[in-house]
Protein backbone atom coordinates (compact mmCIF):
# COMPACT_ATOMS: atom_id res chain seq x y z
CA MET A 1 16.29 -3.61 3.04
CA VAL A 2 16.70 -3.55 -0.71
CA ALA A 3 13.82 -4.87 -2.79
CA ASP A 4 14.43 -6.65 -6.05
CA ARG A 5 11.42 -6.12 -8.30
CA ARG A 6 12.43 -9.21 -10.30
CA ALA A 7 11.29 -11.29 -7.32
CA LEU A 8 7.70 -10.18 -7.88
CA GLY A 9 7.18 -12.65 -10.71
CA ARG A 10 7.51 -15.74 -8.53
CA PHE A 11 4.35 -14.86 -6.61
CA GLY A 12 2.09 -14.96 -9.68
CA CYS A 13 -0.72 -12.43 -10.09
CA VAL A 14 -0.65 -11.15 -6.54
CA SER A 15 2.45 -10.14 -4.68
CA VAL A 16 3.11 -8.42 -1.43
CA LEU A 17 6.28 -6.47 -0.90
CA VAL A 18 6.97 -4.64 2.29
CA LEU A 19 9.73 -2.11 2.51
CA PHE A 20 10.90 -0.88 5.87
CA ALA A 21 13.13 2.15 6.21
CA LEU A 22 15.98 1.04 8.43
CA ALA A 23 16.63 3.33 11.36
CA ALA A 24 20.04 4.11 12.79
CA CYS A 25 18.43 4.78 16.15
CA MET A 26 15.30 3.65 18.02
CA ALA A 27 13.14 6.57 16.84
CA PRO A 28 10.38 5.53 14.42
CA GLU A 29 11.22 6.14 10.80
CA PRO A 30 8.86 6.50 7.84
CA ARG A 31 7.79 3.19 6.36
CA SER A 32 6.25 2.32 3.02
CA TYR A 33 4.09 -0.77 2.51
CA PHE A 34 3.18 -2.14 -0.93
CA LEU A 35 -0.04 -4.10 -1.36
CA PHE A 36 -0.60 -5.78 -4.72
CA PHE A 37 -3.89 -6.58 -6.40
CA PRO A 38 -4.81 -8.84 -9.31
CA SER A 39 -5.28 -7.04 -12.60
CA GLY A 40 -8.65 -5.26 -12.75
CA SER A 41 -9.45 -6.00 -9.08
CA ALA A 42 -9.87 -3.87 -5.96
CA GLU A 43 -10.39 -6.86 -3.66
CA LEU A 44 -7.87 -7.38 -0.88
CA THR A 45 -6.05 -10.70 -1.14
CA PRO A 46 -5.19 -12.69 2.00
CA GLU A 47 -1.61 -11.48 1.69
CA ALA A 48 -2.73 -7.82 1.44
CA ARG A 49 -5.00 -8.28 4.48
CA GLN A 50 -1.97 -9.46 6.47
CA ILE A 51 -0.07 -6.34 5.44
CA VAL A 52 -3.02 -4.14 6.44
CA THR A 53 -2.97 -5.83 9.85
CA THR A 54 0.75 -5.05 10.16
CA ILE A 55 0.20 -1.41 9.14
CA ALA A 56 -2.69 -1.00 11.61
CA ALA A 57 -0.55 -2.43 14.44
CA ALA A 58 2.32 -0.05 13.59
CA ALA A 59 -0.05 2.91 13.41
CA LYS A 60 -1.52 2.04 16.81
CA GLU A 61 1.99 1.97 18.32
CA GLN A 62 2.87 5.32 16.71
CA LYS A 63 -0.15 7.31 17.79
CA ALA A 64 1.05 10.55 16.18
CA ALA A 65 1.86 8.92 12.84
CA LYS A 66 -0.04 9.93 9.72
CA LEU A 67 -0.84 7.53 6.92
CA ALA A 68 -0.95 8.38 3.22
CA VAL A 69 -2.64 5.86 0.91
CA GLU A 70 -1.91 5.95 -2.82
CA GLY A 71 -3.91 3.79 -5.22
CA HIS A 72 -2.36 2.77 -8.53
CA ALA A 73 -3.40 1.00 -11.71
CA ASP A 74 -1.34 0.40 -14.83
CA GLY A 75 -3.06 2.70 -17.30
CA GLY A 76 -3.97 6.31 -17.85
CA THR A 77 -7.68 5.90 -18.64
CA ALA A 78 -10.58 7.14 -16.53
CA ALA A 79 -11.41 3.51 -15.70
CA ASP A 80 -7.84 2.94 -14.44
CA ALA A 81 -8.04 6.08 -12.30
CA ALA A 82 -11.36 4.88 -10.85
CA LEU A 83 -9.83 1.45 -10.10
CA ALA A 84 -6.83 3.06 -8.41
CA ASP A 85 -9.15 5.21 -6.29
CA LYS A 86 -11.28 2.18 -5.38
CA ARG A 87 -8.16 0.23 -4.32
CA ALA A 88 -7.08 3.10 -2.05
CA THR A 89 -10.59 3.32 -0.58
CA VAL A 90 -10.65 -0.41 0.14
CA VAL A 91 -7.30 -0.21 1.93
CA MET A 92 -8.41 2.81 3.91
CA ALA A 93 -11.59 1.03 5.00
CA ALA A 94 -9.58 -2.03 6.07
CA LEU A 95 -7.21 0.19 8.09
CA VAL A 96 -10.18 1.84 9.87
CA GLU A 97 -11.68 -1.60 10.48
CA GLY A 98 -8.31 -2.53 12.02
CA GLY A 99 -8.56 0.28 14.53
CA VAL A 100 -6.83 3.19 12.80
CA ASP A 101 -8.60 6.54 13.23
CA ALA A 102 -9.79 7.66 9.79
CA ARG A 103 -8.67 11.24 10.56
CA ARG A 104 -5.06 10.01 10.44
CA ILE A 105 -5.41 8.64 6.92
CA ASP A 106 -5.01 10.77 3.79
CA LYS A 107 -5.94 9.31 0.43
CA GLN A 108 -3.69 10.64 -2.31
CA PRO A 109 -4.07 10.21 -6.05
CA GLY A 110 -1.44 7.95 -7.49
CA ALA A 111 -0.07 7.93 -10.99
CA PRO A 112 1.11 4.69 -12.52
CA PRO A 113 4.62 4.07 -11.17
CA GLU A 114 7.12 5.28 -13.77
CA GLY A 115 8.61 2.44 -15.75
CA ILE A 116 6.68 -0.20 -13.82
CA THR A 117 4.17 -2.37 -15.61
CA GLY A 118 2.41 -5.66 -15.07
CA VAL A 119 1.93 -7.01 -11.55
CA ALA A 120 3.93 -4.24 -9.90
CA ALA A 121 1.61 -1.55 -11.31
CA HIS A 122 -1.44 -3.06 -9.57
CA GLN A 123 -0.72 -1.74 -6.13
CA VAL A 124 -1.61 0.49 -3.25
CA ILE A 125 1.24 2.12 -1.39
CA VAL A 126 0.71 3.07 2.26
CA HIS A 127 3.20 5.50 3.77
CA LEU A 128 3.42 5.63 7.58
CA ALA A 129 5.19 8.79 8.75
CA PRO A 130 5.81 9.55 12.43
């Protein structure tokens, strides 16, 4: 599936984009999920909660899969780094609440996505790797 970042604008301040790696066979492939937040916020939106539910279900099916959670914000200040970390922590907590063992989740620092600004920079990326 190819994602067109131009489509993000039609969702307003909060967008959810899910990318699935297409597999040529039935074996699970790595997946990346993108959860978007309003500017300055670490609160999960209803759309982001739905994606967390999807991630938790996939993680439960793939019992050996590891999850990496990257928080992002659109600036390089200490406040932006703290916001990015808080976003990742909120997503991790929601995944654990959804039944994912916390030992399977690794929080990774995320730099602002290169060349991405605005709505697309306010995100948490969750990687699910079998």
